[in-house]
């Protein structure tokens, strides 16, 4: 997998856009992170930080394999420098709220006048149109509007629970990379440049595609117990205060589980609801509470669709994830090695996704801009604080 012939200008920050552009960088693209000269990406300063650099761990996590330039896009000279880079770029990813890139003079129409083949992706919370388009927001807002939270309840089912992962942010970044690659492939087939309007709320809503029929066909609200809540699909506490997941959706898995638990008397409760579901769930809860998590995982067969709820610090020590070789390290200039979660797909050829650590603020400004500006122009822009 090699995108080394493609150049991406990255105008995103924090988590969603940088994750998407890092995926492109992992695949070999030359991703040039364009940052404000003063503060840069806010994630650079967010705690916790990597000890030797003082840079935020989040920044390191989603900005490897990129180069960084600093350009003040609020100045005419900065806009001109950016547009010079855009002439030779293949794609641009921006994460401003709607209308900001137009005020900065680096919007799709302006760039397209200089480069008709550009793929330009705008990643926002709600999209470029609609009554919510100008609203500020974060991951939890998008999950709420999409219906995701309605199905994700606290243990007693009373209120929607805040997910432990920023799901809309991460899937928004994933769809950024996917959409950019799709548009580049279309361009290779003669489709020309493309503008991509990508909404994290739309992405979160699309995650419910497999259940959307309940709303689209007006079959009624499935309730507040979640999509598949019931004795055959849930989380059970074990004797040591840890948890296992049970996902016996198909009857053969349900029957296998009950056989190994010696509880065939619960067979008729596979699809139970209401009081029947509560009864069967309580019976299974008592069973799982009788032994430790490790004992259950050791003794139950793979056909029971039972797996652990990994706690903090356990995830990357699990033999399954160790076997998948998902974790690697990048080297910092001082020799410190920073662990990283790698690209979550394996190709025929080994992917070199740990080539370089996240760049320093403006580390590659002269290196990148020297391709479009003279040394004299760069000296002047540096003196004026534009770069």
Protein backbone atom coordinates (compact mmCIF):
# COMPACT_ATOMS: atom_id res chain seq x y z
CA UNK A 1 0.00 0.00 0.00
CA UNK A 2 1.71 3.21 -1.12
CA UNK A 3 0.30 6.75 -1.32
CA UNK A 4 3.77 8.31 -1.51
CA UNK A 5 2.94 10.12 -4.76
CA UNK A 6 0.19 12.14 -3.03
CA UNK A 7 0.54 15.34 -1.01
CA UNK A 8 -2.10 16.30 1.56
CA UNK A 9 -2.34 19.72 3.21
CA UNK A 10 -3.76 19.24 6.70
CA UNK A 11 -5.64 22.16 8.26
CA UNK A 12 -7.17 20.12 11.08
CA UNK A 13 -6.41 19.94 14.80
CA UNK A 14 -7.12 18.05 18.03
CA UNK A 15 -8.46 14.55 17.22
CA UNK A 16 -10.86 13.91 14.28
CA UNK A 17 -9.06 15.40 11.29
CA UNK A 18 -5.53 14.60 12.51
CA UNK A 19 -6.49 10.95 13.00
CA UNK A 20 -7.82 10.79 9.43
CA UNK A 21 -4.77 12.48 7.93
CA UNK A 22 -2.46 10.27 10.00
CA UNK A 23 -4.09 7.23 8.41
CA UNK A 24 -3.22 8.74 5.02
CA UNK A 25 0.33 9.40 6.24
CA UNK A 26 0.60 5.82 7.51
CA UNK A 27 -0.24 4.70 3.98
CA UNK A 28 2.64 6.77 2.67
CA UNK A 29 1.10 10.14 1.76
CA UNK A 30 3.17 13.28 2.34
CA UNK A 31 0.93 15.01 4.89
CA UNK A 32 1.89 18.63 5.56
CA UNK A 33 0.33 19.91 8.76
CA UNK A 34 -0.36 23.65 8.42
CA UNK A 35 -0.47 25.33 11.82
CA UNK A 36 -0.85 28.80 13.28
CA UNK A 37 2.58 30.32 14.08
CA UNK A 38 1.60 31.20 17.64
CA UNK A 39 0.03 28.16 19.29
CA UNK A 40 -0.40 25.59 16.56
CA UNK A 41 -2.59 22.56 17.10
CA UNK A 42 -4.15 22.81 20.58
CA UNK A 43 -3.33 19.15 21.17
CA UNK A 44 0.35 20.11 21.37
CA UNK A 45 -0.25 21.63 24.78
CA UNK A 46 -2.94 19.34 26.19
CA UNK A 47 -1.94 17.16 29.16
CA UNK A 48 -0.71 14.54 29.71
CA UNK A 49 2.56 15.26 27.95
CA UNK A 50 5.46 13.17 26.72
CA UNK A 51 8.24 13.79 29.25
CA UNK A 52 11.18 14.66 27.02
CA UNK A 53 9.32 16.98 24.65
CA UNK A 54 6.59 18.45 26.85
CA UNK A 55 4.24 17.87 23.91
CA UNK A 56 0.77 16.47 24.48
CA UNK A 57 0.44 12.69 24.26
CA UNK A 58 -2.70 13.14 22.14
CA UNK A 59 -0.71 15.14 19.59
CA UNK A 60 1.89 12.40 19.36
CA UNK A 61 -0.85 9.78 19.04
CA UNK A 62 -2.43 11.20 15.87
CA UNK A 63 0.29 13.13 14.05
CA UNK A 64 3.09 10.69 13.27
CA UNK A 65 4.60 10.60 9.78
CA UNK A 66 3.65 14.24 9.06
CA UNK A 67 5.59 17.41 8.38
CA UNK A 68 4.68 20.71 10.06
CA UNK A 69 4.73 24.21 8.63
CA UNK A 70 3.53 27.38 10.34
CA UNK A 71 1.60 29.90 8.24
CA UNK A 72 -0.56 32.77 9.45
CA UNK A 73 -3.60 32.39 7.21
CA UNK A 74 -5.05 35.65 8.56
CA UNK A 75 -2.49 37.56 6.51
CA UNK A 76 -2.47 38.12 2.75
CA UNK A 77 1.08 36.80 2.55
CA UNK A 78 0.15 33.68 4.48
CA UNK A 79 -2.83 32.99 2.25
CA UNK A 80 -0.67 33.45 -0.83
CA UNK A 81 1.94 31.02 0.52
CA UNK A 82 -0.73 28.43 1.27
CA UNK A 83 -2.23 28.75 -2.21
CA UNK A 84 1.22 28.24 -3.70
CA UNK A 85 1.44 24.94 -1.83
CA UNK A 86 -2.11 24.06 -2.86
CA UNK A 87 -1.20 24.33 -6.55
CA UNK A 88 0.89 21.18 -6.27
CA UNK A 89 -1.15 19.38 -3.61
CA UNK A 90 -3.49 16.46 -4.23
CA UNK A 91 -5.82 16.90 -1.27
CA UNK A 92 -6.70 19.36 1.47
CA UNK A 93 -8.39 18.48 4.76
CA UNK A 94 -9.83 21.30 6.86
CA UNK A 95 -11.75 21.20 10.13
CA UNK A 96 -12.97 24.77 10.61
CA UNK A 97 -16.60 25.63 11.19
CA UNK A 98 -18.52 26.49 7.98
CA UNK A 99 -17.51 29.80 6.45
CA UNK A 100 -14.11 30.14 8.14
CA UNK A 101 -12.03 28.97 5.16
CA UNK A 102 -13.87 31.49 2.96
CA UNK A 103 -12.92 34.30 5.34
CA UNK A 104 -9.34 33.06 5.29
CA UNK A 105 -9.30 32.93 1.49
CA UNK A 106 -8.41 29.24 1.30
CA UNK A 107 -11.86 27.77 0.53
CA UNK A 108 -12.49 25.12 -2.11
CA UNK A 109 -13.52 27.56 -4.86
CA UNK A 110 -10.40 29.67 -4.36
CA UNK A 111 -8.12 26.64 -4.32
CA UNK A 112 -9.87 25.10 -7.33
CA UNK A 113 -9.12 28.22 -9.37
CA UNK A 114 -5.45 27.38 -8.83
CA UNK A 115 -5.72 23.58 -8.96
CA UNK A 116 -8.70 22.02 -10.72
CA UNK A 117 -7.67 18.51 -9.67
CA UNK A 118 -7.71 19.18 -5.92
CA UNK A 119 -9.62 16.89 -3.57
CA UNK A 120 -10.90 19.13 -0.78
CA UNK A 121 -12.49 17.65 2.37
CA UNK A 122 -14.31 19.78 4.96
CA UNK A 123 -14.83 17.86 8.21
CA UNK A 124 -17.33 19.47 10.61
CA UNK A 125 -19.64 18.49 13.41
CA UNK A 126 -22.94 18.97 11.59
CA UNK A 127 -22.07 19.59 7.94
CA UNK A 128 -22.01 22.65 5.69
CA UNK A 129 -25.78 23.19 5.68
CA UNK A 130 -28.84 22.65 7.85
CA UNK A 131 -30.02 24.53 10.96
CA UNK A 132 -27.21 23.12 13.13
CA UNK A 133 -24.37 23.79 10.69
CA UNK A 134 -23.07 26.85 12.57
CA UNK A 135 -23.34 25.33 16.03
CA UNK A 136 -20.30 24.57 18.11
CA UNK A 137 -20.09 20.97 19.23
CA UNK A 138 -18.05 18.01 20.35
CA UNK A 139 -18.23 14.24 20.13
CA UNK A 140 -20.98 13.84 22.75
CA UNK A 141 -23.26 16.32 20.97
CA UNK A 142 -23.00 14.42 17.71
CA UNK A 143 -23.63 11.07 19.39
CA UNK A 144 -26.70 12.49 21.09
CA UNK A 145 -28.25 13.89 17.92
CA UNK A 146 -27.52 10.70 15.98
CA UNK A 147 -29.49 8.52 18.40
CA UNK A 148 -26.38 6.65 19.50
CA UNK A 149 -26.68 7.71 23.14
CA UNK A 150 -30.34 6.73 23.39
CA UNK A 151 -29.21 3.12 22.95
CA UNK A 152 -26.21 3.41 25.26
CA UNK A 153 -27.48 3.47 28.83
CA UNK A 154 -25.99 3.52 32.29
CA UNK A 155 -26.09 0.27 34.21
CA UNK A 156 -29.52 0.93 35.69
CA UNK A 157 -30.82 2.10 32.31
CA UNK A 158 -31.91 5.46 33.66
CA UNK A 159 -29.82 7.88 31.61
CA UNK A 160 -27.67 7.69 28.47
CA UNK A 161 -24.10 6.83 29.36
CA UNK A 162 -21.09 8.80 28.13
CA UNK A 163 -19.04 6.37 25.98
CA UNK A 164 -15.45 5.79 27.01
CA UNK A 165 -14.22 6.42 23.45
CA UNK A 166 -14.81 9.55 21.31
CA UNK A 167 -16.73 7.54 18.72
CA UNK A 168 -17.93 10.33 16.42
CA UNK A 169 -14.47 11.92 16.40
CA UNK A 170 -12.65 8.71 15.54
CA UNK A 171 -15.12 7.51 12.93
CA UNK A 172 -15.21 11.03 11.49
CA UNK A 173 -11.45 10.79 11.02
CA UNK A 174 -11.77 7.32 9.56
CA UNK A 175 -14.35 8.50 7.00
CA UNK A 176 -12.11 11.47 6.19
CA UNK A 177 -9.33 9.12 5.11
CA UNK A 178 -11.75 6.79 3.34
CA UNK A 179 -13.47 9.62 1.46
CA UNK A 180 -10.20 11.26 0.40
CA UNK A 181 -8.83 7.96 -0.91
CA UNK A 182 -12.11 7.32 -2.75
CA UNK A 183 -12.00 10.77 -4.35
CA UNK A 184 -8.36 10.33 -5.35
CA UNK A 185 -9.21 6.97 -6.92
CA UNK A 186 -12.06 8.62 -8.84
CA UNK A 187 -9.68 11.33 -10.01
CA UNK A 188 -7.27 8.70 -11.28
CA UNK A 189 -10.14 7.31 -13.39
CA UNK A 190 -10.77 10.72 -14.94
CA UNK A 191 -13.32 12.08 -12.51
CA UNK A 192 -11.37 15.24 -11.72
CA UNK A 193 -11.20 17.07 -8.42
CA UNK A 194 -13.86 16.79 -5.73
CA UNK A 195 -15.33 18.65 -2.78
CA UNK A 196 -16.25 16.46 0.23
CA UNK A 197 -18.70 17.76 2.86
CA UNK A 198 -18.25 15.37 5.79
CA UNK A 199 -20.32 15.63 8.99
CA UNK A 200 -19.41 13.73 12.15
CA UNK A 201 -23.11 13.65 13.05
CA UNK A 202 -23.85 12.01 9.69
CA UNK A 203 -21.11 9.45 10.32
CA UNK A 204 -22.42 8.65 13.81
CA UNK A 205 -25.93 8.30 12.39
CA UNK A 206 -24.65 5.97 9.67
CA UNK A 207 -23.18 3.72 12.37
CA UNK A 208 -26.78 2.83 13.20
CA UNK A 209 -27.51 1.63 9.68
CA UNK A 210 -28.17 -1.91 10.84
CA UNK A 211 -30.90 -0.70 13.18
CA UNK A 212 -32.23 2.29 11.27
CA UNK A 213 -35.16 0.25 9.96
CA UNK A 214 -36.82 0.56 13.37
CA UNK A 215 -37.13 4.30 12.83
CA UNK A 216 -37.42 4.42 9.05
CA UNK A 217 -40.21 1.83 8.98
CA UNK A 218 -41.88 3.38 12.06
CA UNK A 219 -42.02 0.09 13.93
CA UNK A 220 -41.86 1.92 17.23
CA UNK A 221 -39.15 2.80 19.72
CA UNK A 222 -37.17 -0.31 20.70
CA UNK A 223 -36.95 1.12 24.20
CA UNK A 224 -34.20 2.33 26.47
CA UNK A 225 -32.50 -0.99 27.07
CA UNK A 226 -30.21 -0.77 24.09
CA UNK A 227 -30.21 -2.42 20.71
CA UNK A 228 -29.98 -6.07 21.78
CA UNK A 229 -30.27 -5.93 25.57
CA UNK A 230 -31.39 -9.20 27.14
CA UNK A 231 -30.01 -12.30 28.79
CA UNK A 232 -28.26 -13.50 25.62
CA UNK A 233 -26.50 -10.19 24.93
CA UNK A 234 -25.03 -8.35 27.88
CA UNK A 235 -22.25 -7.77 30.37
CA UNK A 236 -21.96 -9.91 33.49
CA UNK A 237 -19.89 -9.36 36.63
CA UNK A 238 -17.64 -12.17 37.84
CA UNK A 239 -16.60 -13.18 41.35
CA UNK A 240 -13.49 -11.00 41.33
CA UNK A 241 -15.36 -7.81 40.40
CA UNK A 242 -14.35 -8.01 36.75
CA UNK A 243 -16.68 -8.46 33.76
CA UNK A 244 -17.28 -10.64 30.74
CA UNK A 245 -19.35 -9.98 27.63
CA UNK A 246 -21.89 -12.50 26.41
CA UNK A 247 -23.07 -12.13 22.80
CA UNK A 248 -25.07 -15.29 22.09
CA UNK A 249 -27.31 -13.70 19.49
CA UNK A 250 -27.78 -16.84 17.41
CA UNK A 251 -29.62 -19.71 19.04
CA UNK A 252 -26.78 -22.17 18.51
CA UNK A 253 -24.46 -19.97 20.58
CA UNK A 254 -27.13 -19.54 23.25
CA UNK A 255 -27.64 -23.28 23.47
CA UNK A 256 -23.89 -23.88 23.64
CA UNK A 257 -23.50 -21.39 26.49
CA UNK A 258 -26.37 -22.89 28.49
CA UNK A 259 -25.02 -26.41 27.96
CA UNK A 260 -21.62 -25.44 29.33
CA UNK A 261 -23.24 -23.61 32.25
CA UNK A 262 -25.56 -26.60 32.82
CA UNK A 263 -28.53 -24.26 32.58
CA UNK A 264 -30.57 -25.70 29.73
CA UNK A 265 -33.64 -24.70 31.73
CA UNK A 266 -33.11 -21.14 30.40
CA UNK A 267 -33.22 -22.15 26.74
CA UNK A 268 -36.67 -20.60 26.07
CA UNK A 269 -35.45 -17.18 27.28
CA UNK A 270 -33.14 -16.47 24.34
CA UNK A 271 -35.33 -13.67 22.97
CA UNK A 272 -37.14 -12.92 26.23
CA UNK A 273 -38.38 -9.44 27.08
CA UNK A 274 -39.82 -7.76 30.14
CA UNK A 275 -40.05 -9.84 33.31
CA UNK A 276 -38.91 -13.01 31.56
CA UNK A 277 -35.73 -11.29 30.39
CA UNK A 278 -35.13 -9.90 33.86
CA UNK A 279 -35.49 -13.36 35.35
CA UNK A 280 -33.10 -15.05 32.92
CA UNK A 281 -30.59 -12.22 33.20
CA UNK A 282 -30.61 -12.49 36.98
CA UNK A 283 -30.09 -16.26 36.78
CA UNK A 284 -27.11 -15.85 34.46
CA UNK A 285 -25.73 -13.05 36.62
CA UNK A 286 -25.73 -15.42 39.60
CA UNK A 287 -23.92 -18.04 37.55
CA UNK A 288 -21.17 -15.69 36.38
CA UNK A 289 -20.79 -14.21 39.87
CA UNK A 290 -19.81 -17.65 41.18
CA UNK A 291 -16.38 -17.73 39.53
CA UNK A 292 -13.59 -15.33 38.54
CA UNK A 293 -13.23 -13.86 35.07
CA UNK A 294 -10.07 -15.85 34.33
CA UNK A 295 -11.76 -19.07 35.41
CA UNK A 296 -14.68 -18.49 33.07
CA UNK A 297 -12.45 -17.56 30.14
CA UNK A 298 -10.29 -20.62 30.69
CA UNK A 299 -13.14 -23.12 31.00
CA UNK A 300 -15.77 -21.87 28.53
CA UNK A 301 -15.25 -22.94 24.92
CA UNK A 302 -14.78 -20.52 22.00
CA UNK A 303 -18.29 -21.43 20.83
CA UNK A 304 -19.89 -19.61 23.77
CA UNK A 305 -19.25 -16.10 22.37
CA UNK A 306 -17.84 -14.95 25.71
CA UNK A 307 -14.95 -12.48 25.95
CA UNK A 308 -13.40 -10.30 28.67
CA UNK A 309 -14.08 -6.66 29.40
CA UNK A 310 -10.45 -5.53 29.41
CA UNK A 311 -9.57 -2.97 32.03
CA UNK A 312 -7.14 -0.07 31.73
CA UNK A 313 -3.67 -1.49 31.36
CA UNK A 314 -4.88 -4.92 30.24
CA UNK A 315 -5.80 -4.22 26.64
CA UNK A 316 -2.38 -4.36 25.02
CA UNK A 317 -1.23 -7.27 27.18
CA UNK A 318 -3.97 -9.53 25.88
CA UNK A 319 -2.48 -12.35 23.79
CA UNK A 320 -4.93 -11.71 20.95
CA UNK A 321 -3.80 -8.10 20.49
CA UNK A 322 -0.19 -9.10 21.01
CA UNK A 323 -0.58 -11.64 18.21
CA UNK A 324 -1.97 -8.95 15.92
CA UNK A 325 1.15 -6.80 16.43
CA UNK A 326 -0.93 -3.62 16.62
CA UNK A 327 1.44 -1.62 18.83
CA UNK A 328 4.73 -0.06 17.74
CA UNK A 329 7.05 2.78 18.71
CA UNK A 330 8.35 5.98 17.17
CA UNK A 331 11.74 7.49 18.02
CA UNK A 332 12.06 11.06 19.29
CA UNK A 333 15.16 13.13 18.61
CA UNK A 334 16.53 12.56 22.12
CA UNK A 335 16.26 8.80 21.83
CA UNK A 336 13.04 8.41 23.79
CA UNK A 337 10.67 5.89 22.26
CA UNK A 338 6.94 6.63 22.30
CA UNK A 339 4.51 3.70 22.00
CA UNK A 340 1.79 4.04 19.37
CA UNK A 341 -1.29 2.18 18.17
CA UNK A 342 -0.63 1.24 14.57
CA UNK A 343 -2.72 1.14 11.42
CA UNK A 344 -5.55 -1.35 12.09
CA UNK A 345 -5.36 -3.29 8.84
CA UNK A 346 -2.78 -5.72 7.55
CA UNK A 347 -1.74 -5.79 3.90
CA UNK A 348 0.23 -8.22 1.81
CA UNK A 349 3.28 -6.01 2.26
CA UNK A 350 4.21 -4.87 5.74
CA UNK A 351 3.14 -1.28 6.36
CA UNK A 352 5.82 1.10 7.63
CA UNK A 353 3.49 3.22 9.76
CA UNK A 354 6.04 4.15 12.43
CA UNK A 355 8.44 6.08 10.18
CA UNK A 356 8.64 9.30 12.18
CA UNK A 357 7.25 10.89 15.32
CA UNK A 358 4.83 13.80 15.36
CA UNK A 359 6.64 16.91 14.04
CA UNK A 360 7.77 19.86 16.09
CA UNK A 361 5.79 23.08 15.71
CA UNK A 362 6.84 24.47 12.32
CA UNK A 363 9.72 22.01 12.11
CA UNK A 364 9.52 21.75 8.32
CA UNK A 365 8.45 25.28 7.42
CA UNK A 366 11.50 26.24 5.38
CA UNK A 367 11.91 22.76 3.95
CA UNK A 368 8.35 22.74 2.59
CA UNK A 369 7.95 26.37 1.59
CA UNK A 370 11.32 26.51 -0.15
CA UNK A 371 9.69 24.56 -2.96
CA UNK A 372 7.42 27.53 -3.74
CA UNK A 373 9.18 30.58 -2.20
CA UNK A 374 12.69 31.97 -2.47
CA UNK A 375 15.04 32.25 0.52
CA UNK A 376 14.62 36.01 0.45
CA UNK A 377 10.82 35.72 0.59
CA UNK A 378 11.04 33.21 3.43
CA UNK A 379 13.40 35.47 5.40
CA UNK A 380 10.96 38.36 5.03
CA UNK A 381 7.93 36.27 6.04
CA UNK A 382 9.80 34.98 9.07
CA UNK A 383 10.73 38.52 10.11
CA UNK A 384 7.08 39.56 9.75
CA UNK A 385 5.84 36.59 11.78
CA UNK A 386 3.82 35.23 8.86
CA UNK A 387 5.66 31.89 8.99
